[in-house]
Amino acid sequence: MKKDIHPEYREVLFHDTGADAYFLIGSTINTDKTKKWEDGKTYPYCTLDISSVSHPFYTGKQKIIDTAGQVDKFKKRYNK
């Protein structure tokens, strides 16, 4: 790998404000904010509006709106 072209990879604390959930994940995101985590260490901090904890697709709360029977047509066509 070439030197000095890759961003710094480090653990970052993400906060899903919609579900009030925290994630400590490796990332290359640039942020100036920091926050102290449960383990006593201080990590770079980034807020999110939505994540897998609060997104309707992942929580099973997603609703399919079928206005003209399009979903049924799709299922019938590709349900072979």
PDB file of N, CA and C in Angstrom:
ATOM      1  N   MET A   1       0.838  -1.185   0.000  1.00  0.00           N
ATOM      2  CA  MET A   1       0.000   0.000   0.000  1.00  0.00           C
ATOM      3  C   MET A   1       0.880   1.244   0.000  1.00  0.00           C
ATOM      4  N   LYS A   2       0.405   2.272  -0.645  1.00  0.00           N
ATOM      5  CA  LYS A   2       1.146   3.524  -0.677  1.00  0.00           C
ATOM      6  C   LYS A   2       1.065   4.219   0.676  1.00  0.00           C
ATOM      7  N   LYS A   3       2.124   4.877   1.042  1.00  0.00           N
ATOM      8  CA  LYS A   3       2.159   5.574   2.327  1.00  0.00           C
ATOM      9  C   LYS A   3       1.526   6.954   2.200  1.00  0.00           C
ATOM     10  N   ASP A   4       0.930   7.414   3.298  1.00  0.00           N
ATOM     11  CA  ASP A   4       0.397   8.771   3.455  1.00  0.00           C
ATOM     12  C   ASP A   4      -0.786   9.110   2.547  1.00  0.00           C
ATOM     13  N   ILE A   5      -1.487   8.112   2.018  1.00  0.00           N
ATOM     14  CA  ILE A   5      -2.695   8.415   1.238  1.00  0.00           C
ATOM     15  C   ILE A   5      -3.950   7.854   1.889  1.00  0.00           C
ATOM     16  N   HIS A   6      -3.785   6.986   2.877  1.00  0.00           N
ATOM     17  CA  HIS A   6      -4.935   6.357   3.517  1.00  0.00           C
ATOM     18  C   HIS A   6      -5.349   7.132   4.768  1.00  0.00           C
ATOM     19  N   PRO A   7      -6.662   7.278   4.992  1.00  0.00           N
ATOM     20  CA  PRO A   7      -7.114   7.965   6.206  1.00  0.00           C
ATOM     21  C   PRO A   7      -6.835   7.118   7.444  1.00  0.00           C
ATOM     22  N   GLU A   8      -6.772   7.772   8.577  1.00  0.00           N
ATOM     23  CA  GLU A   8      -6.521   7.086   9.840  1.00  0.00           C
ATOM     24  C   GLU A   8      -7.733   6.237  10.218  1.00  0.00           C
ATOM     25  N   TYR A   9      -7.490   4.960  10.493  1.00  0.00           N
ATOM     26  CA  TYR A   9      -8.547   4.039  10.913  1.00  0.00           C
ATOM     27  C   TYR A   9      -8.472   3.905  12.425  1.00  0.00           C
ATOM     28  N   ARG A  10      -9.584   4.214  13.105  1.00  0.00           N
ATOM     29  CA  ARG A  10      -9.594   4.178  14.568  1.00  0.00           C
ATOM     30  C   ARG A  10     -11.005   3.850  15.038  1.00  0.00           C
ATOM     31  N   GLU A  11     -11.156   3.568  16.310  1.00  0.00           N
ATOM     32  CA  GLU A  11     -12.480   3.312  16.871  1.00  0.00           C
ATOM     33  C   GLU A  11     -13.194   4.635  17.105  1.00  0.00           C
ATOM     34  N   VAL A  12     -14.462   4.688  16.657  1.00  0.00           N
ATOM     35  CA  VAL A  12     -15.267   5.904  16.765  1.00  0.00           C
ATOM     36  C   VAL A  12     -16.577   5.541  17.445  1.00  0.00           C
ATOM     37  N   LEU A  13     -17.045   6.411  18.327  1.00  0.00           N
ATOM     38  CA  LEU A  13     -18.310   6.221  19.025  1.00  0.00           C
ATOM     39  C   LEU A  13     -19.415   6.909  18.225  1.00  0.00           C
ATOM     40  N   PHE A  14     -20.363   6.110  17.723  1.00  0.00           N
ATOM     41  CA  PHE A  14     -21.505   6.639  16.983  1.00  0.00           C
ATOM     42  C   PHE A  14     -22.723   6.634  17.885  1.00  0.00           C
ATOM     43  N   HIS A  15     -23.553   7.674  17.775  1.00  0.00           N
ATOM     44  CA  HIS A  15     -24.757   7.806  18.595  1.00  0.00           C
ATOM     45  C   HIS A  15     -25.955   7.966  17.676  1.00  0.00           C
ATOM     46  N   ASP A  16     -26.864   6.977  17.695  1.00  0.00           N
ATOM     47  CA  ASP A  16     -28.123   7.069  16.959  1.00  0.00           C
ATOM     48  C   ASP A  16     -29.083   7.850  17.839  1.00  0.00           C
ATOM     49  N   THR A  17     -29.321   9.110  17.484  1.00  0.00           N
ATOM     50  CA  THR A  17     -30.155   9.970  18.321  1.00  0.00           C
ATOM     51  C   THR A  17     -31.627   9.585  18.259  1.00  0.00           C
ATOM     52  N   GLY A  18     -32.054   8.899  17.190  1.00  0.00           N
ATOM     53  CA  GLY A  18     -33.446   8.480  17.078  1.00  0.00           C
ATOM     54  C   GLY A  18     -33.804   7.377  18.053  1.00  0.00           C
ATOM     55  N   ALA A  19     -32.863   6.478  18.322  1.00  0.00           N
ATOM     56  CA  ALA A  19     -33.115   5.357  19.231  1.00  0.00           C
ATOM     57  C   ALA A  19     -32.307   5.468  20.511  1.00  0.00           C
ATOM     58  N   ASP A  20     -31.496   6.508  20.635  1.00  0.00           N
ATOM     59  CA  ASP A  20     -30.604   6.705  21.774  1.00  0.00           C
ATOM     60  C   ASP A  20     -29.730   5.472  22.009  1.00  0.00           C
ATOM     61  N   ALA A  21     -29.113   4.995  20.919  1.00  0.00           N
ATOM     62  CA  ALA A  21     -28.228   3.835  20.988  1.00  0.00           C
ATOM     63  C   ALA A  21     -26.815   4.269  20.610  1.00  0.00           C
ATOM     64  N   TYR A  22     -25.826   3.636  21.237  1.00  0.00           N
ATOM     65  CA  TYR A  22     -24.424   3.948  20.983  1.00  0.00           C
ATOM     66  C   TYR A  22     -23.731   2.734  20.372  1.00  0.00           C
ATOM     67  N   PHE A  23     -22.789   3.000  19.431  1.00  0.00           N
ATOM     68  CA  PHE A  23     -22.011   1.960  18.793  1.00  0.00           C
ATOM     69  C   PHE A  23     -20.554   2.366  18.807  1.00  0.00           C
ATOM     70  N   LEU A  24     -19.689   1.461  19.167  1.00  0.00           N
ATOM     71  CA  LEU A  24     -18.250   1.689  19.098  1.00  0.00           C
ATOM     72  C   LEU A  24     -17.731   0.839  17.948  1.00  0.00           C
ATOM     73  N   ILE A  25     -17.383   1.502  16.839  1.00  0.00           N
ATOM     74  CA  ILE A  25     -17.040   0.819  15.596  1.00  0.00           C
ATOM     75  C   ILE A  25     -15.786   1.456  15.002  1.00  0.00           C
ATOM     76  N   GLY A  26     -14.994   0.648  14.351  1.00  0.00           N
ATOM     77  CA  GLY A  26     -13.836   1.161  13.640  1.00  0.00           C
ATOM     78  C   GLY A  26     -14.267   1.964  12.429  1.00  0.00           C
ATOM     79  N   SER A  27     -13.658   3.135  12.217  1.00  0.00           N
ATOM     80  CA  SER A  27     -14.065   4.002  11.123  1.00  0.00           C
ATOM     81  C   SER A  27     -12.935   4.954  10.751  1.00  0.00           C
ATOM     82  N   THR A  28     -13.064   5.543   9.562  1.00  0.00           N
ATOM     83  CA  THR A  28     -12.106   6.560   9.116  1.00  0.00           C
ATOM     84  C   THR A  28     -12.732   7.941   9.086  1.00  0.00           C
ATOM     85  N   ILE A  29     -13.907   8.116   9.676  1.00  0.00           N
ATOM     86  CA  ILE A  29     -14.628   9.392   9.655  1.00  0.00           C
ATOM     87  C   ILE A  29     -13.828  10.471  10.389  1.00  0.00           C
ATOM     88  N   ASN A  30     -13.872  11.673   9.863  1.00  0.00           N
ATOM     89  CA  ASN A  30     -13.212  12.816  10.502  1.00  0.00           C
ATOM     90  C   ASN A  30     -14.217  13.544  11.378  1.00  0.00           C
ATOM     91  N   THR A  31     -13.910  13.681  12.641  1.00  0.00           N
ATOM     92  CA  THR A  31     -14.763  14.412  13.569  1.00  0.00           C
ATOM     93  C   THR A  31     -13.888  15.070  14.633  1.00  0.00           C
ATOM     94  N   ASP A  32     -14.322  16.246  15.076  1.00  0.00           N
ATOM     95  CA  ASP A  32     -13.587  16.971  16.111  1.00  0.00           C
ATOM     96  C   ASP A  32     -14.150  16.712  17.501  1.00  0.00           C
ATOM     97  N   LYS A  33     -15.368  16.158  17.566  1.00  0.00           N
ATOM     98  CA  LYS A  33     -16.000  15.911  18.855  1.00  0.00           C
ATOM     99  C   LYS A  33     -15.464  14.626  19.489  1.00  0.00           C
ATOM    100  N   THR A  34     -15.411  14.609  20.815  1.00  0.00           N
ATOM    101  CA  THR A  34     -15.007  13.411  21.552  1.00  0.00           C
ATOM    102  C   THR A  34     -15.993  13.173  22.685  1.00  0.00           C
ATOM    103  N   LYS A  35     -16.062  11.930  23.136  1.00  0.00           N
ATOM    104  CA  LYS A  35     -16.950  11.584  24.237  1.00  0.00           C
ATOM    105  C   LYS A  35     -16.357  10.417  25.000  1.00  0.00           C
ATOM    106  N   LYS A  36     -16.541  10.418  26.305  1.00  0.00           N
ATOM    107  CA  LYS A  36     -16.048   9.355  27.154  1.00  0.00           C
ATOM    108  C   LYS A  36     -17.035   8.195  27.115  1.00  0.00           C
ATOM    109  N   TRP A  37     -16.543   6.982  26.920  1.00  0.00           N
ATOM    110  CA  TRP A  37     -17.365   5.787  26.784  1.00  0.00           C
ATOM    111  C   TRP A  37     -17.376   5.008  28.086  1.00  0.00           C
ATOM    112  N   GLU A  38     -18.153   3.942  28.154  1.00  0.00           N
ATOM    113  CA  GLU A  38     -18.337   3.150  29.374  1.00  0.00           C
ATOM    114  C   GLU A  38     -17.034   2.550  29.891  1.00  0.00           C
ATOM    115  N   ASP A  39     -16.078   2.283  29.003  1.00  0.00           N
ATOM    116  CA  ASP A  39     -14.824   1.672  29.427  1.00  0.00           C
ATOM    117  C   ASP A  39     -13.836   2.693  30.001  1.00  0.00           C
ATOM    118  N   GLY A  40     -14.247   3.964  30.075  1.00  0.00           N
ATOM    119  CA  GLY A  40     -13.409   5.007  30.646  1.00  0.00           C
ATOM    120  C   GLY A  40     -12.512   5.710  29.639  1.00  0.00           C
ATOM    121  N   LYS A  41     -12.452   5.207  28.415  1.00  0.00           N
ATOM    122  CA  LYS A  41     -11.620   5.833  27.382  1.00  0.00           C
ATOM    123  C   LYS A  41     -12.425   6.900  26.633  1.00  0.00           C
ATOM    124  N   THR A  42     -11.716   7.858  26.070  1.00  0.00           N
ATOM    125  CA  THR A  42     -12.331   8.907  25.274  1.00  0.00           C
ATOM    126  C   THR A  42     -12.144   8.581  23.798  1.00  0.00           C
ATOM    127  N   TYR A  43     -13.241   8.618  23.047  1.00  0.00           N
ATOM    128  CA  TYR A  43     -13.231   8.276  21.631  1.00  0.00           C
ATOM    129  C   TYR A  43     -13.766   9.436  20.796  1.00  0.00           C
ATOM    130  N   PRO A  44     -13.389   9.491  19.518  1.00  0.00           N
ATOM    131  CA  PRO A  44     -14.034  10.435  18.612  1.00  0.00           C
ATOM    132  C   PRO A  44     -15.522  10.120  18.568  1.00  0.00           C
ATOM    133  N   TYR A  45     -16.364  11.142  18.440  1.00  0.00           N
ATOM    134  CA  TYR A  45     -17.811  10.995  18.596  1.00  0.00           C
ATOM    135  C   TYR A  45     -18.534  11.549  17.375  1.00  0.00           C
ATOM    136  N   CYS A  46     -19.537  10.805  16.891  1.00  0.00           N
ATOM    137  CA  CYS A  46     -20.308  11.231  15.732  1.00  0.00           C
ATOM    138  C   CYS A  46     -21.776  10.871  15.957  1.00  0.00           C
ATOM    139  N   THR A  47     -22.686  11.807  15.688  1.00  0.00           N
ATOM    140  CA  THR A  47     -24.111  11.539  15.844  1.00  0.00           C
ATOM    141  C   THR A  47     -24.715  11.115  14.502  1.00  0.00           C
ATOM    142  N   LEU A  48     -25.717  10.247  14.587  1.00  0.00           N
ATOM    143  CA  LEU A  48     -26.439   9.756  13.417  1.00  0.00           C
ATOM    144  C   LEU A  48     -27.920  10.020  13.613  1.00  0.00           C
ATOM    145  N   ASP A  49     -28.627  10.291  12.533  1.00  0.00           N
ATOM    146  CA  ASP A  49     -30.078  10.441  12.609  1.00  0.00           C
ATOM    147  C   ASP A  49     -30.773   9.088  12.607  1.00  0.00           C
ATOM    148  N   ILE A  50     -30.190   8.120  11.913  1.00  0.00           N
ATOM    149  CA  ILE A  50     -30.813   6.811  11.777  1.00  0.00           C
ATOM    150  C   ILE A  50     -29.731   5.751  11.602  1.00  0.00           C
ATOM    151  N   SER A  51     -29.972   4.576  12.155  1.00  0.00           N
ATOM    152  CA  SER A  51     -29.053   3.448  12.009  1.00  0.00           C
ATOM    153  C   SER A  51     -29.883   2.175  11.932  1.00  0.00           C
ATOM    154  N   SER A  52     -29.224   1.028  11.980  1.00  0.00           N
ATOM    155  CA  SER A  52     -29.957  -0.229  11.903  1.00  0.00           C
ATOM    156  C   SER A  52     -30.863  -0.446  13.108  1.00  0.00           C
ATOM    157  N   VAL A  53     -30.609   0.245  14.208  1.00  0.00           N
ATOM    158  CA  VAL A  53     -31.451   0.107  15.401  1.00  0.00           C
ATOM    159  C   VAL A  53     -32.789   0.821  15.218  1.00  0.00           C
ATOM    160  N   SER A  54     -32.792   1.911  14.461  1.00  0.00           N
ATOM    161  CA  SER A  54     -34.019   2.690  14.336  1.00  0.00           C
ATOM    162  C   SER A  54     -34.621   2.695  12.924  1.00  0.00           C
ATOM    163  N   HIS A  55     -33.939   2.110  11.945  1.00  0.00           N
ATOM    164  CA  HIS A  55     -34.457   2.124  10.574  1.00  0.00           C
ATOM    165  C   HIS A  55     -35.611   1.118  10.437  1.00  0.00           C
ATOM    166  N   PRO A  56     -36.739   1.526   9.848  1.00  0.00           N
ATOM    167  CA  PRO A  56     -37.907   0.642   9.735  1.00  0.00           C
ATOM    168  C   PRO A  56     -37.626  -0.672   9.003  1.00  0.00           C
ATOM    169  N   PHE A  57     -36.723  -0.683   8.046  1.00  0.00           N
ATOM    170  CA  PHE A  57     -36.429  -1.913   7.327  1.00  0.00           C
ATOM    171  C   PHE A  57     -35.827  -2.956   8.259  1.00  0.00           C
ATOM    172  N   TYR A  58     -34.903  -2.534   9.130  1.00  0.00           N
ATOM    173  CA  TYR A  58     -34.217  -3.468  10.021  1.00  0.00           C
ATOM    174  C   TYR A  58     -35.022  -3.791  11.267  1.00  0.00           C
ATOM    175  N   THR A  59     -35.922  -2.929  11.670  1.00  0.00           N
ATOM    176  CA  THR A  59     -36.716  -3.187  12.870  1.00  0.00           C
ATOM    177  C   THR A  59     -37.980  -3.983  12.562  1.00  0.00           C
ATOM    178  N   GLY A  60     -38.310  -4.172  11.283  1.00  0.00           N
ATOM    179  CA  GLY A  60     -39.505  -4.929  10.914  1.00  0.00           C
ATOM    180  C   GLY A  60     -40.766  -4.094  10.919  1.00  0.00           C
ATOM    181  N   LYS A  61     -40.645  -2.795  11.014  1.00  0.00           N
ATOM    182  CA  LYS A  61     -41.800  -1.911  11.066  1.00  0.00           C
ATOM    183  C   LYS A  61     -42.066  -1.223   9.729  1.00  0.00           C
ATOM    184  N   GLN A  62     -41.343  -1.658   8.688  1.00  0.00           N
ATOM    185  CA  GLN A  62     -41.528  -1.061   7.375  1.00  0.00           C
ATOM    186  C   GLN A  62     -42.862  -1.506   6.787  1.00  0.00           C
ATOM    187  N   LYS A  63     -43.561  -0.581   6.202  1.00  0.00           N
ATOM    188  CA  LYS A  63     -44.847  -0.875   5.594  1.00  0.00           C
ATOM    189  C   LYS A  63     -44.743  -0.668   4.095  1.00  0.00           C
ATOM    190  N   ILE A  64     -45.291  -1.616   3.357  1.00  0.00           N
ATOM    191  CA  ILE A  64     -45.304  -1.498   1.901  1.00  0.00           C
ATOM    192  C   ILE A  64     -46.659  -0.936   1.504  1.00  0.00           C
ATOM    193  N   ILE A  65     -46.637   0.194   0.840  1.00  0.00           N
ATOM    194  CA  ILE A  65     -47.873   0.823   0.395  1.00  0.00           C
ATOM    195  C   ILE A  65     -48.126   0.377  -1.044  1.00  0.00           C
ATOM    196  N   ASP A  66     -49.210  -0.343  -1.247  1.00  0.00           N
ATOM    197  CA  ASP A  66     -49.542  -0.883  -2.556  1.00  0.00           C
ATOM    198  C   ASP A  66     -50.718  -0.094  -3.105  1.00  0.00           C
ATOM    199  N   THR A  67     -50.436   0.825  -4.005  1.00  0.00           N
ATOM    200  CA  THR A  67     -51.484   1.712  -4.498  1.00  0.00           C
ATOM    201  C   THR A  67     -52.277   1.111  -5.640  1.00  0.00           C
ATOM    202  N   ALA A  68     -51.642   0.313  -6.484  1.00  0.00           N
ATOM    203  CA  ALA A  68     -52.360  -0.197  -7.654  1.00  0.00           C
ATOM    204  C   ALA A  68     -52.138  -1.690  -7.841  1.00  0.00           C
ATOM    205  N   GLY A  69     -51.883  -2.407  -6.759  1.00  0.00           N
ATOM    206  CA  GLY A  69     -51.657  -3.840  -6.877  1.00  0.00           C
ATOM    207  C   GLY A  69     -50.304  -4.182  -7.462  1.00  0.00           C
ATOM    208  N   GLN A  70     -49.380  -3.238  -7.459  1.00  0.00           N
ATOM    209  CA  GLN A  70     -48.072  -3.449  -8.065  1.00  0.00           C
ATOM    210  C   GLN A  70     -47.263  -4.511  -7.328  1.00  0.00           C
ATOM    211  N   VAL A  71     -47.377  -4.557  -6.017  1.00  0.00           N
ATOM    212  CA  VAL A  71     -46.642  -5.549  -5.240  1.00  0.00           C
ATOM    213  C   VAL A  71     -47.149  -6.943  -5.573  1.00  0.00           C
ATOM    214  N   ASP A  72     -48.469  -7.118  -5.669  1.00  0.00           N
ATOM    215  CA  ASP A  72     -49.030  -8.411  -6.026  1.00  0.00           C
ATOM    216  C   ASP A  72     -48.616  -8.830  -7.429  1.00  0.00           C
ATOM    217  N   LYS A  73     -48.587  -7.890  -8.356  1.00  0.00           N
ATOM    218  CA  LYS A  73     -48.156  -8.188  -9.719  1.00  0.00           C
ATOM    219  C   LYS A  73     -46.699  -8.633  -9.732  1.00  0.00           C
ATOM    220  N   PHE A  74     -45.869  -7.957  -8.956  1.00  0.00           N
ATOM    221  CA  PHE A  74     -44.461  -8.312  -8.885  1.00  0.00           C
ATOM    222  C   PHE A  74     -44.290  -9.707  -8.298  1.00  0.00           C
ATOM    223  N   LYS A  75     -44.966  -9.973  -7.192  1.00  0.00           N
ATOM    224  CA  LYS A  75     -44.856 -11.288  -6.553  1.00  0.00           C
ATOM    225  C   LYS A  75     -45.354 -12.390  -7.470  1.00  0.00           C
ATOM    226  N   LYS A  76     -46.439 -12.147  -8.175  1.00  0.00           N
ATOM    227  CA  LYS A  76     -46.991 -13.142  -9.088  1.00  0.00           C
ATOM    228  C   LYS A  76     -46.045 -13.405 -10.258  1.00  0.00           C
ATOM    229  N   ARG A  77     -45.418 -12.363 -10.764  1.00  0.00           N
ATOM    230  CA  ARG A  77     -44.538 -12.488 -11.915  1.00  0.00           C
ATOM    231  C   ARG A  77     -43.247 -13.230 -11.555  1.00  0.00           C
ATOM    232  N   TYR A  78     -42.670 -12.957 -10.390  1.00  0.00           N
ATOM    233  CA  TYR A  78     -41.381 -13.517 -10.030  1.00  0.00           C
ATOM    234  C   TYR A  78     -41.475 -14.626  -8.995  1.00  0.00           C
ATOM    235  N   ASN A  79     -42.617 -15.132  -8.729  1.00  0.00           N
ATOM    236  CA  ASN A  79     -42.796 -16.210  -7.754  1.00  0.00           C
ATOM    237  C   ASN A  79     -42.856 -17.549  -8.474  1.00  0.00           C
ATOM    238  N   LYS A  80     -41.847 -17.835  -9.268  1.00  0.00           N
ATOM    239  CA  LYS A  80     -41.820 -19.088 -10.040  1.00  0.00           C
ATOM    240  C   LYS A  80     -40.882 -20.078  -9.408  1.00  0.00           C
TER     241      LYS A  80
END
